[in-house]
């Protein structure tokens, strides 16, 4: 499969390695300047496109099968999604449609939830609103903070879920379950002041 990665940090870097192990062709990555994904891509000879706030169809190389968003903060617009055969898959560290928004982990902790999880979903124009491709859950430990939960459970879970969905696509299976609107929630970003109070 011909794949483009939009993302940053550990998750996007490990996704690049996963795709290489699978034998996929990574046609390009979009990463912030100086990020470890940029360095890993350059070391592997993968073209790097400078990261802006928006990814458009003009950024997508011809023949791209799918865009994978891993720890991405750029908006992947409709023209970009249409330029890839399957569109774009994103990973969100919550059991969507619960905790849509950029601080899902912090909100799960703030609300003292015992269980959370991760979701790979088909991106659309909404904020974490697209159909679900794969989902998994995990326990939140009493002593967890956002960093420990991300590192121990949620970031590795993202790789497992991306791998699962890509294997399904290899087999011609496209899973896309609509998110149940009745249980959806969206929370704003935590401010620095709020974070210190959690």
N, C-alpha and C. Protein backbone atom coordinates (compact mmCIF):
# COMPACT_ATOMS: atom_id res chain seq x y z
N UNK A 1 0.84 -1.18 0.00
CA UNK A 1 0.00 0.00 0.00
C UNK A 1 0.89 1.24 0.00
N UNK A 2 0.43 2.29 -0.67
CA UNK A 2 1.16 3.57 -0.72
C UNK A 2 0.54 4.52 0.31
N UNK A 3 1.33 4.86 1.32
CA UNK A 3 0.82 5.53 2.50
C UNK A 3 1.52 6.87 2.73
N UNK A 4 0.75 7.85 3.19
CA UNK A 4 1.31 9.11 3.63
C UNK A 4 1.02 9.27 5.11
N UNK A 5 2.00 9.73 5.88
CA UNK A 5 1.84 9.95 7.32
C UNK A 5 1.80 11.46 7.58
N UNK A 6 0.82 11.87 8.35
CA UNK A 6 0.78 13.24 8.87
C UNK A 6 0.86 13.10 10.39
N UNK A 7 1.89 13.68 11.00
CA UNK A 7 1.97 13.51 12.45
C UNK A 7 3.28 13.97 13.02
N UNK A 8 3.54 13.48 14.23
CA UNK A 8 4.74 13.90 14.94
C UNK A 8 5.02 12.96 16.11
N UNK A 9 6.18 13.15 16.68
CA UNK A 9 6.61 12.51 17.91
C UNK A 9 6.64 10.98 17.81
N UNK A 10 6.59 10.33 18.97
CA UNK A 10 6.81 8.88 19.05
C UNK A 10 5.83 8.10 18.19
N UNK A 11 4.56 8.41 18.29
CA UNK A 11 3.55 7.61 17.60
C UNK A 11 3.77 7.63 16.09
N UNK A 12 4.01 8.81 15.52
CA UNK A 12 4.21 8.91 14.07
C UNK A 12 5.49 8.21 13.65
N UNK A 13 6.53 8.33 14.46
CA UNK A 13 7.81 7.65 14.17
C UNK A 13 7.65 6.14 14.17
N UNK A 14 6.98 5.63 15.19
CA UNK A 14 6.75 4.18 15.27
C UNK A 14 5.82 3.70 14.17
N UNK A 15 4.88 4.54 13.76
CA UNK A 15 4.01 4.18 12.63
C UNK A 15 4.83 4.06 11.35
N UNK A 16 5.78 4.95 11.14
CA UNK A 16 6.68 4.85 9.99
C UNK A 16 7.40 3.50 10.01
N UNK A 17 7.92 3.12 11.16
CA UNK A 17 8.63 1.82 11.27
C UNK A 17 7.69 0.64 11.03
N UNK A 18 6.46 0.75 11.54
CA UNK A 18 5.47 -0.30 11.32
C UNK A 18 5.19 -0.47 9.83
N UNK A 19 5.00 0.63 9.14
CA UNK A 19 4.73 0.57 7.70
C UNK A 19 5.90 -0.04 6.95
N UNK A 20 7.11 0.31 7.35
CA UNK A 20 8.29 -0.27 6.71
C UNK A 20 8.36 -1.77 6.94
N UNK A 21 8.05 -2.22 8.15
CA UNK A 21 8.04 -3.66 8.43
C UNK A 21 6.97 -4.38 7.60
N UNK A 22 5.84 -3.71 7.42
CA UNK A 22 4.76 -4.31 6.62
C UNK A 22 5.09 -4.36 5.12
N UNK A 23 6.05 -3.58 4.70
CA UNK A 23 6.40 -3.54 3.29
C UNK A 23 5.63 -2.49 2.50
N UNK A 24 4.95 -1.59 3.20
CA UNK A 24 4.25 -0.51 2.52
C UNK A 24 5.25 0.51 1.98
N UNK A 25 4.82 1.27 1.00
CA UNK A 25 5.62 2.37 0.48
C UNK A 25 5.12 3.65 1.14
N UNK A 26 6.00 4.30 1.91
CA UNK A 26 5.64 5.59 2.51
C UNK A 26 6.02 6.66 1.50
N UNK A 27 4.99 7.26 0.88
CA UNK A 27 5.23 8.20 -0.22
C UNK A 27 5.72 9.55 0.27
N UNK A 28 5.36 9.93 1.49
CA UNK A 28 5.80 11.20 2.08
C UNK A 28 5.30 11.27 3.51
N UNK A 29 5.91 12.16 4.27
CA UNK A 29 5.39 12.48 5.59
C UNK A 29 5.24 13.99 5.69
N UNK A 30 4.28 14.41 6.49
CA UNK A 30 4.13 15.81 6.84
C UNK A 30 4.39 15.89 8.34
N UNK A 31 5.41 16.65 8.72
CA UNK A 31 5.83 16.71 10.12
C UNK A 31 6.32 18.10 10.46
N UNK A 32 6.21 18.50 11.72
CA UNK A 32 6.77 19.80 12.12
C UNK A 32 8.29 19.80 11.95
N UNK A 33 8.84 20.95 11.62
CA UNK A 33 10.30 21.08 11.46
C UNK A 33 10.99 20.69 12.75
N UNK A 34 12.02 19.85 12.62
CA UNK A 34 12.81 19.43 13.77
C UNK A 34 12.22 18.26 14.54
N UNK A 35 11.05 17.78 14.16
CA UNK A 35 10.44 16.66 14.87
C UNK A 35 11.17 15.36 14.52
N UNK A 36 11.08 14.40 15.43
CA UNK A 36 11.75 13.11 15.21
C UNK A 36 11.22 12.38 13.99
N UNK A 37 9.95 12.62 13.61
CA UNK A 37 9.43 12.00 12.39
C UNK A 37 10.17 12.53 11.17
N UNK A 38 10.44 13.82 11.14
CA UNK A 38 11.20 14.40 10.04
C UNK A 38 12.55 13.70 9.92
N UNK A 39 13.25 13.54 11.04
CA UNK A 39 14.58 12.91 11.04
C UNK A 39 14.49 11.46 10.59
N UNK A 40 13.51 10.72 11.11
CA UNK A 40 13.37 9.30 10.75
C UNK A 40 13.04 9.14 9.27
N UNK A 41 12.18 10.01 8.76
CA UNK A 41 11.82 9.94 7.34
C UNK A 41 13.03 10.25 6.47
N UNK A 42 13.76 11.29 6.81
CA UNK A 42 14.94 11.65 6.02
C UNK A 42 15.97 10.53 6.05
N UNK A 43 16.15 9.88 7.20
CA UNK A 43 17.08 8.76 7.31
C UNK A 43 16.67 7.60 6.42
N UNK A 44 15.36 7.46 6.18
CA UNK A 44 14.84 6.36 5.36
C UNK A 44 14.65 6.77 3.90
N UNK A 45 14.99 8.00 3.57
CA UNK A 45 14.82 8.46 2.19
C UNK A 45 13.37 8.79 1.82
N UNK A 46 12.53 9.03 2.82
CA UNK A 46 11.13 9.36 2.58
C UNK A 46 11.01 10.88 2.47
N UNK A 47 10.35 11.38 1.42
CA UNK A 47 10.19 12.84 1.28
C UNK A 47 9.42 13.43 2.46
N UNK A 48 9.85 14.62 2.89
CA UNK A 48 9.21 15.32 4.00
C UNK A 48 8.62 16.62 3.48
N UNK A 49 7.37 16.85 3.83
CA UNK A 49 6.68 18.08 3.47
C UNK A 49 6.53 18.90 4.75
N UNK A 50 6.82 20.19 4.66
CA UNK A 50 6.72 21.06 5.84
C UNK A 50 5.29 21.07 6.36
N UNK A 51 5.17 21.07 7.67
CA UNK A 51 3.86 21.01 8.32
C UNK A 51 3.27 22.40 8.44
N UNK A 52 2.05 22.54 7.97
CA UNK A 52 1.29 23.76 8.18
C UNK A 52 0.07 23.44 9.03
N UNK A 53 -0.86 24.35 9.10
CA UNK A 53 -2.07 24.12 9.88
C UNK A 53 -3.10 23.33 9.10
N UNK A 54 -2.87 23.18 7.77
CA UNK A 54 -3.84 22.52 6.92
C UNK A 54 -3.12 21.68 5.88
N UNK A 55 -3.65 20.48 5.62
CA UNK A 55 -3.16 19.60 4.56
C UNK A 55 -4.22 19.61 3.46
N UNK A 56 -3.80 19.92 2.24
CA UNK A 56 -4.74 19.99 1.12
C UNK A 56 -4.38 18.93 0.07
N UNK A 57 -5.22 18.83 -0.94
CA UNK A 57 -4.99 17.88 -2.01
C UNK A 57 -3.65 18.09 -2.70
N UNK A 58 -3.19 19.35 -2.76
CA UNK A 58 -1.91 19.65 -3.40
C UNK A 58 -0.73 19.02 -2.66
N UNK A 59 -0.92 18.68 -1.38
CA UNK A 59 0.16 18.07 -0.58
C UNK A 59 0.26 16.55 -0.76
N UNK A 60 -0.74 15.94 -1.37
CA UNK A 60 -0.82 14.48 -1.43
C UNK A 60 -0.20 13.97 -2.73
N UNK A 61 0.85 13.16 -2.65
CA UNK A 61 1.47 12.62 -3.86
C UNK A 61 0.48 11.75 -4.67
N UNK A 62 0.62 11.80 -5.96
CA UNK A 62 -0.23 10.98 -6.85
C UNK A 62 -0.06 9.51 -6.49
N UNK A 63 -1.16 8.77 -6.53
CA UNK A 63 -1.12 7.35 -6.27
C UNK A 63 -1.14 6.97 -4.80
N UNK A 64 -1.39 7.93 -3.92
CA UNK A 64 -1.47 7.63 -2.48
C UNK A 64 -2.74 6.83 -2.21
N UNK A 65 -2.60 5.73 -1.50
CA UNK A 65 -3.76 4.91 -1.15
C UNK A 65 -4.47 5.42 0.10
N UNK A 66 -3.69 5.84 1.10
CA UNK A 66 -4.30 6.25 2.36
C UNK A 66 -3.40 7.23 3.10
N UNK A 67 -4.03 8.14 3.83
CA UNK A 67 -3.33 9.07 4.70
C UNK A 67 -3.56 8.60 6.13
N UNK A 68 -2.49 8.51 6.91
CA UNK A 68 -2.60 8.13 8.32
C UNK A 68 -2.17 9.31 9.18
N UNK A 69 -3.05 9.73 10.08
CA UNK A 69 -2.78 10.85 10.97
C UNK A 69 -2.46 10.32 12.36
N UNK A 70 -1.21 10.50 12.78
CA UNK A 70 -0.74 9.97 14.07
C UNK A 70 -0.15 11.11 14.89
N UNK A 71 -0.87 11.52 15.92
CA UNK A 71 -0.49 12.66 16.75
C UNK A 71 -0.37 13.90 15.87
N UNK A 72 -1.36 14.06 15.01
CA UNK A 72 -1.37 15.16 14.05
C UNK A 72 -2.25 16.30 14.56
N UNK A 73 -1.76 17.52 14.36
CA UNK A 73 -2.55 18.69 14.74
C UNK A 73 -2.89 19.55 13.54
N UNK A 74 -2.59 19.08 12.33
CA UNK A 74 -2.96 19.79 11.11
C UNK A 74 -4.33 19.27 10.64
N UNK A 75 -5.13 20.16 10.08
CA UNK A 75 -6.44 19.77 9.54
C UNK A 75 -6.24 19.16 8.16
N UNK A 76 -6.73 17.96 7.95
CA UNK A 76 -6.64 17.27 6.66
C UNK A 76 -7.96 17.52 5.95
N UNK A 77 -7.94 18.42 4.96
CA UNK A 77 -9.21 18.87 4.38
C UNK A 77 -9.78 17.86 3.37
N UNK A 78 -10.98 18.16 2.90
CA UNK A 78 -11.70 17.24 2.01
C UNK A 78 -10.92 16.97 0.73
N UNK A 79 -10.23 17.98 0.19
CA UNK A 79 -9.47 17.76 -1.05
C UNK A 79 -8.31 16.79 -0.81
N UNK A 80 -7.69 16.85 0.36
CA UNK A 80 -6.61 15.92 0.69
C UNK A 80 -7.16 14.51 0.85
N UNK A 81 -8.27 14.39 1.58
CA UNK A 81 -8.86 13.06 1.78
C UNK A 81 -9.30 12.45 0.45
N UNK A 82 -9.81 13.28 -0.44
CA UNK A 82 -10.27 12.78 -1.75
C UNK A 82 -9.10 12.38 -2.65
N UNK A 83 -7.91 12.94 -2.39
CA UNK A 83 -6.74 12.63 -3.21
C UNK A 83 -6.15 11.26 -2.90
N UNK A 84 -6.54 10.65 -1.80
CA UNK A 84 -6.06 9.31 -1.44
C UNK A 84 -7.19 8.31 -1.70
N UNK A 85 -6.85 7.16 -2.20
CA UNK A 85 -7.86 6.17 -2.60
C UNK A 85 -8.85 5.85 -1.49
N UNK A 86 -8.36 5.64 -0.27
CA UNK A 86 -9.24 5.30 0.85
C UNK A 86 -9.61 6.51 1.70
N UNK A 87 -8.93 7.62 1.53
CA UNK A 87 -9.17 8.77 2.40
C UNK A 87 -8.14 8.82 3.51
N UNK A 88 -8.57 9.27 4.71
CA UNK A 88 -7.64 9.46 5.82
C UNK A 88 -8.15 8.80 7.08
N UNK A 89 -7.25 8.13 7.76
CA UNK A 89 -7.53 7.52 9.06
C UNK A 89 -6.77 8.29 10.13
N UNK A 90 -7.44 8.59 11.23
CA UNK A 90 -6.79 9.23 12.35
C UNK A 90 -6.89 8.37 13.59
N UNK A 91 -6.00 8.62 14.54
CA UNK A 91 -6.06 7.93 15.83
C UNK A 91 -6.41 8.95 16.89
N UNK A 92 -7.39 8.61 17.73
CA UNK A 92 -7.80 9.48 18.83
C UNK A 92 -7.74 8.69 20.13
N UNK A 93 -7.08 9.23 21.17
CA UNK A 93 -6.92 8.49 22.42
C UNK A 93 -8.15 8.57 23.34
N UNK A 94 -9.26 8.08 22.83
CA UNK A 94 -10.48 7.94 23.64
C UNK A 94 -11.37 6.92 22.97
N UNK A 95 -12.40 6.52 23.68
CA UNK A 95 -13.41 5.64 23.11
C UNK A 95 -14.45 6.51 22.42
N UNK A 96 -14.13 6.95 21.21
CA UNK A 96 -15.07 7.81 20.48
C UNK A 96 -16.43 7.13 20.39
N UNK A 97 -17.49 7.93 20.54
CA UNK A 97 -17.55 9.39 20.46
C UNK A 97 -17.32 10.10 21.79
N UNK A 98 -16.84 9.42 22.80
CA UNK A 98 -16.56 10.05 24.09
C UNK A 98 -15.27 10.87 23.99
N UNK A 99 -15.26 12.02 24.58
CA UNK A 99 -14.08 12.89 24.68
C UNK A 99 -13.49 13.29 23.34
N UNK A 100 -14.34 13.76 22.45
CA UNK A 100 -13.80 14.40 21.26
C UNK A 100 -13.06 15.66 21.70
N UNK A 101 -12.03 16.04 20.95
CA UNK A 101 -11.26 17.23 21.29
C UNK A 101 -9.82 16.89 21.60
N UNK A 102 -8.97 17.91 21.71
CA UNK A 102 -7.53 17.68 21.76
C UNK A 102 -7.01 17.22 23.11
N UNK A 103 -7.77 17.31 24.18
CA UNK A 103 -7.28 16.90 25.50
C UNK A 103 -8.07 15.72 26.07
N UNK A 104 -8.34 14.75 25.23
CA UNK A 104 -9.18 13.61 25.62
C UNK A 104 -8.65 12.87 26.85
N UNK A 105 -7.35 12.66 26.92
CA UNK A 105 -6.78 11.91 28.04
C UNK A 105 -6.95 12.69 29.33
N UNK A 106 -6.64 13.96 29.28
CA UNK A 106 -6.77 14.78 30.49
C UNK A 106 -8.21 14.83 30.98
N UNK A 107 -9.16 14.90 30.04
CA UNK A 107 -10.57 14.93 30.47
C UNK A 107 -11.00 13.61 31.09
N UNK A 108 -10.54 12.49 30.53
CA UNK A 108 -10.88 11.19 31.12
C UNK A 108 -10.34 11.10 32.55
N UNK A 109 -9.13 11.60 32.77
CA UNK A 109 -8.55 11.61 34.12
C UNK A 109 -9.30 12.59 35.02
N UNK A 110 -9.58 13.75 34.51
CA UNK A 110 -10.27 14.78 35.29
C UNK A 110 -11.65 14.29 35.75
N UNK A 111 -12.32 13.51 34.89
CA UNK A 111 -13.64 12.98 35.22
C UNK A 111 -13.57 11.69 36.02
N UNK A 112 -12.37 11.29 36.40
CA UNK A 112 -12.12 10.12 37.22
C UNK A 112 -12.73 8.83 36.63
N UNK A 113 -12.57 8.69 35.34
CA UNK A 113 -13.09 7.49 34.67
C UNK A 113 -12.16 6.32 34.94
N UNK A 114 -12.71 5.13 34.98
CA UNK A 114 -11.93 3.93 35.26
C UNK A 114 -11.43 3.25 33.99
N UNK A 115 -12.06 3.58 32.88
CA UNK A 115 -11.76 2.94 31.60
C UNK A 115 -11.67 4.01 30.53
N UNK A 116 -10.73 3.85 29.62
CA UNK A 116 -10.67 4.69 28.42
C UNK A 116 -10.22 3.79 27.28
N UNK A 117 -9.72 4.37 26.23
CA UNK A 117 -9.27 3.55 25.12
C UNK A 117 -8.82 4.40 23.96
N UNK A 118 -8.73 3.78 22.80
CA UNK A 118 -8.30 4.47 21.60
C UNK A 118 -9.17 4.07 20.43
N UNK A 119 -9.23 4.96 19.44
CA UNK A 119 -10.07 4.74 18.27
C UNK A 119 -9.32 5.16 17.01
N UNK A 120 -9.30 4.29 16.02
CA UNK A 120 -8.89 4.68 14.67
C UNK A 120 -10.18 4.91 13.90
N UNK A 121 -10.28 6.08 13.29
CA UNK A 121 -11.53 6.47 12.65
C UNK A 121 -11.25 7.15 11.31
N UNK A 122 -12.26 7.13 10.46
CA UNK A 122 -12.19 7.76 9.14
C UNK A 122 -12.42 9.26 9.32
N UNK A 123 -11.45 10.04 8.95
CA UNK A 123 -11.54 11.48 9.18
C UNK A 123 -12.54 12.13 8.23
N UNK A 124 -13.22 13.13 8.77
CA UNK A 124 -14.14 13.95 7.99
C UNK A 124 -13.91 15.40 8.36
N UNK A 125 -14.86 16.28 8.06
CA UNK A 125 -14.66 17.70 8.36
C UNK A 125 -14.91 18.06 9.82
N UNK A 126 -15.45 17.13 10.60
CA UNK A 126 -15.74 17.40 12.01
C UNK A 126 -14.54 17.15 12.91
N UNK A 127 -14.70 17.50 14.16
CA UNK A 127 -13.65 17.26 15.17
C UNK A 127 -13.83 15.87 15.76
N UNK A 128 -13.09 14.89 15.23
CA UNK A 128 -13.12 13.50 15.73
C UNK A 128 -14.50 12.87 15.58
N UNK A 129 -15.17 13.16 14.48
CA UNK A 129 -16.57 12.73 14.29
C UNK A 129 -16.76 11.62 13.27
N UNK A 130 -15.72 11.21 12.56
CA UNK A 130 -15.88 10.26 11.47
C UNK A 130 -16.17 8.84 11.93
N UNK A 131 -16.57 7.99 10.99
CA UNK A 131 -16.90 6.60 11.31
C UNK A 131 -15.72 5.84 11.92
N UNK A 132 -16.03 4.92 12.81
CA UNK A 132 -15.02 4.14 13.54
C UNK A 132 -14.56 2.95 12.70
N UNK A 133 -13.24 2.82 12.58
CA UNK A 133 -12.65 1.69 11.88
C UNK A 133 -12.20 0.60 12.85
N UNK A 134 -11.69 1.00 14.02
CA UNK A 134 -11.25 0.03 15.03
C UNK A 134 -11.16 0.74 16.38
N UNK A 135 -11.37 -0.04 17.44
CA UNK A 135 -11.39 0.54 18.78
C UNK A 135 -10.93 -0.50 19.79
N UNK A 136 -10.28 -0.03 20.86
CA UNK A 136 -9.84 -0.90 21.94
C UNK A 136 -9.92 -0.11 23.24
N UNK A 137 -9.99 -0.82 24.36
CA UNK A 137 -10.12 -0.15 25.66
C UNK A 137 -8.98 -0.56 26.59
N UNK A 138 -8.83 0.22 27.67
CA UNK A 138 -7.85 -0.10 28.70
C UNK A 138 -8.33 0.49 30.03
N UNK A 139 -7.79 -0.04 31.12
CA UNK A 139 -8.07 0.51 32.44
C UNK A 139 -7.23 1.76 32.68
N UNK A 140 -7.78 2.69 33.44
CA UNK A 140 -7.02 3.82 33.96
C UNK A 140 -6.64 3.48 35.40
N UNK A 141 -5.36 3.49 35.71
CA UNK A 141 -4.90 3.17 37.06
C UNK A 141 -5.08 4.39 37.98
N UNK A 142 -5.27 4.16 39.25
CA UNK A 142 -5.47 5.29 40.18
C UNK A 142 -4.33 6.30 40.17
N UNK A 143 -3.10 5.85 39.91
CA UNK A 143 -1.96 6.77 39.95
C UNK A 143 -1.58 7.32 38.57
N UNK A 144 -2.40 7.07 37.55
CA UNK A 144 -2.08 7.54 36.21
C UNK A 144 -2.16 9.05 36.10
N UNK A 145 -1.26 9.59 35.28
CA UNK A 145 -1.41 10.95 34.78
C UNK A 145 -1.45 10.84 33.26
N UNK A 146 -1.62 11.96 32.57
CA UNK A 146 -1.79 11.91 31.11
C UNK A 146 -0.58 11.27 30.44
N UNK A 147 0.60 11.60 30.92
CA UNK A 147 1.81 11.07 30.30
C UNK A 147 1.94 9.56 30.50
N UNK A 148 1.73 9.08 31.71
CA UNK A 148 1.89 7.64 31.97
C UNK A 148 0.85 6.82 31.20
N UNK A 149 -0.37 7.32 31.17
CA UNK A 149 -1.43 6.60 30.45
C UNK A 149 -1.15 6.57 28.96
N UNK A 150 -0.68 7.67 28.42
CA UNK A 150 -0.34 7.74 26.99
C UNK A 150 0.80 6.77 26.67
N UNK A 151 1.85 6.82 27.47
CA UNK A 151 3.03 6.01 27.16
C UNK A 151 2.78 4.52 27.37
N UNK A 152 2.11 4.16 28.45
CA UNK A 152 1.93 2.75 28.76
C UNK A 152 0.85 2.10 27.90
N UNK A 153 -0.25 2.78 27.68
CA UNK A 153 -1.41 2.16 27.04
C UNK A 153 -1.79 2.76 25.68
N UNK A 154 -2.01 4.06 25.65
CA UNK A 154 -2.72 4.65 24.51
C UNK A 154 -1.86 4.82 23.26
N UNK A 155 -0.61 5.21 23.40
CA UNK A 155 0.24 5.33 22.22
C UNK A 155 0.50 3.95 21.58
N UNK A 156 0.92 2.93 22.37
CA UNK A 156 1.08 1.60 21.76
C UNK A 156 -0.23 1.06 21.17
N UNK A 157 -1.35 1.38 21.81
CA UNK A 157 -2.65 0.96 21.29
C UNK A 157 -2.91 1.54 19.90
N UNK A 158 -2.48 2.78 19.69
CA UNK A 158 -2.65 3.39 18.37
C UNK A 158 -1.97 2.59 17.28
N UNK A 159 -0.76 2.12 17.55
CA UNK A 159 -0.04 1.29 16.57
C UNK A 159 -0.78 -0.01 16.28
N UNK A 160 -1.25 -0.65 17.34
CA UNK A 160 -1.98 -1.92 17.18
C UNK A 160 -3.23 -1.70 16.32
N UNK A 161 -3.94 -0.61 16.59
CA UNK A 161 -5.17 -0.35 15.84
C UNK A 161 -4.90 0.01 14.38
N UNK A 162 -3.87 0.84 14.14
CA UNK A 162 -3.50 1.13 12.75
C UNK A 162 -3.14 -0.15 12.02
N UNK A 163 -2.36 -1.01 12.66
CA UNK A 163 -1.95 -2.27 12.04
C UNK A 163 -3.17 -3.14 11.72
N UNK A 164 -4.12 -3.18 12.65
CA UNK A 164 -5.33 -3.98 12.45
C UNK A 164 -6.13 -3.48 11.25
N UNK A 165 -6.31 -2.17 11.16
CA UNK A 165 -7.12 -1.62 10.06
C UNK A 165 -6.39 -1.79 8.73
N UNK A 166 -5.08 -1.60 8.72
CA UNK A 166 -4.34 -1.79 7.47
C UNK A 166 -4.41 -3.24 7.00
N UNK A 167 -4.36 -4.19 7.93
CA UNK A 167 -4.49 -5.60 7.56
C UNK A 167 -5.88 -5.87 6.97
N UNK A 168 -6.90 -5.24 7.53
CA UNK A 168 -8.25 -5.38 6.98
C UNK A 168 -8.30 -4.81 5.56
N UNK A 169 -7.72 -3.65 5.35
CA UNK A 169 -7.71 -3.05 4.02
C UNK A 169 -6.96 -3.93 3.03
N UNK A 170 -5.86 -4.53 3.47
CA UNK A 170 -5.12 -5.47 2.61
C UNK A 170 -6.04 -6.61 2.15
N UNK A 171 -6.96 -7.02 3.04
CA UNK A 171 -7.88 -8.12 2.74
C UNK A 171 -9.16 -7.65 2.05
N UNK A 172 -9.23 -6.35 1.73
CA UNK A 172 -10.41 -5.82 1.06
C UNK A 172 -11.57 -5.50 1.98
N UNK A 173 -11.30 -5.42 3.29
CA UNK A 173 -12.35 -5.13 4.27
C UNK A 173 -12.23 -3.68 4.70
N UNK A 174 -13.33 -2.94 4.57
CA UNK A 174 -13.36 -1.54 5.01
C UNK A 174 -14.43 -1.43 6.10
N UNK A 175 -13.98 -1.29 7.34
CA UNK A 175 -14.90 -1.15 8.47
C UNK A 175 -15.13 0.34 8.73
N UNK A 176 -16.40 0.73 8.83
CA UNK A 176 -16.74 2.13 9.06
C UNK A 176 -18.08 2.19 9.79
N UNK A 177 -18.03 2.14 11.12
CA UNK A 177 -19.25 2.20 11.95
C UNK A 177 -19.52 3.64 12.34
N UNK A 178 -20.71 4.16 12.08
CA UNK A 178 -21.00 5.53 12.51
C UNK A 178 -20.87 5.66 14.03
N UNK A 179 -20.41 6.81 14.48
CA UNK A 179 -20.33 7.06 15.92
C UNK A 179 -21.75 7.34 16.45
N UNK A 180 -22.12 6.72 17.56
CA UNK A 180 -23.46 6.96 18.11
C UNK A 180 -23.57 8.37 18.71
N UNK A 181 -24.34 9.21 18.07
CA UNK A 181 -24.45 10.61 18.48
C UNK A 181 -25.00 10.77 19.90
N UNK A 182 -25.83 9.84 20.35
CA UNK A 182 -26.49 9.98 21.65
C UNK A 182 -25.50 9.97 22.82
N UNK A 183 -24.32 9.40 22.63
CA UNK A 183 -23.35 9.34 23.73
C UNK A 183 -22.09 10.17 23.46
N UNK A 184 -22.16 11.03 22.46
CA UNK A 184 -21.00 11.84 22.09
C UNK A 184 -20.74 12.94 23.11
N UNK A 185 -19.46 13.23 23.32
CA UNK A 185 -19.08 14.38 24.15
C UNK A 185 -17.87 15.06 23.52
N UNK A 186 -17.78 16.35 23.72
CA UNK A 186 -16.64 17.14 23.25
C UNK A 186 -16.26 18.09 24.37
N UNK A 187 -14.96 18.17 24.64
CA UNK A 187 -14.48 19.08 25.67
C UNK A 187 -13.42 19.99 25.08
N UNK A 188 -13.34 21.22 25.58
CA UNK A 188 -12.32 22.16 25.10
C UNK A 188 -10.94 21.77 25.62
N UNK A 189 -9.92 22.41 25.07
CA UNK A 189 -8.56 22.18 25.54
C UNK A 189 -8.42 22.70 26.97
N UNK A 190 -7.66 21.96 27.77
CA UNK A 190 -7.33 22.43 29.12
C UNK A 190 -6.40 23.64 29.00
N UNK A 191 -6.58 24.61 29.84
CA UNK A 191 -5.62 25.71 29.92
C UNK A 191 -4.48 25.25 30.84
N UNK A 192 -3.38 25.99 30.82
CA UNK A 192 -2.26 25.66 31.72
C UNK A 192 -2.71 25.73 33.18
N UNK A 193 -3.54 26.70 33.50
CA UNK A 193 -4.03 26.83 34.87
C UNK A 193 -4.85 25.61 35.27
N UNK A 194 -5.75 25.17 34.36
CA UNK A 194 -6.58 24.00 34.66
C UNK A 194 -5.71 22.76 34.83
N UNK A 195 -4.67 22.62 34.01
CA UNK A 195 -3.82 21.45 34.10
C UNK A 195 -3.15 21.35 35.47
N UNK A 196 -2.77 22.49 36.01
CA UNK A 196 -2.10 22.44 37.32
C UNK A 196 -3.07 22.07 38.43
N UNK A 197 -4.37 22.21 38.17
CA UNK A 197 -5.37 21.89 39.17
C UNK A 197 -5.80 20.43 39.14
N UNK A 198 -5.49 19.72 38.05
CA UNK A 198 -5.94 18.33 37.91
C UNK A 198 -5.18 17.43 38.86
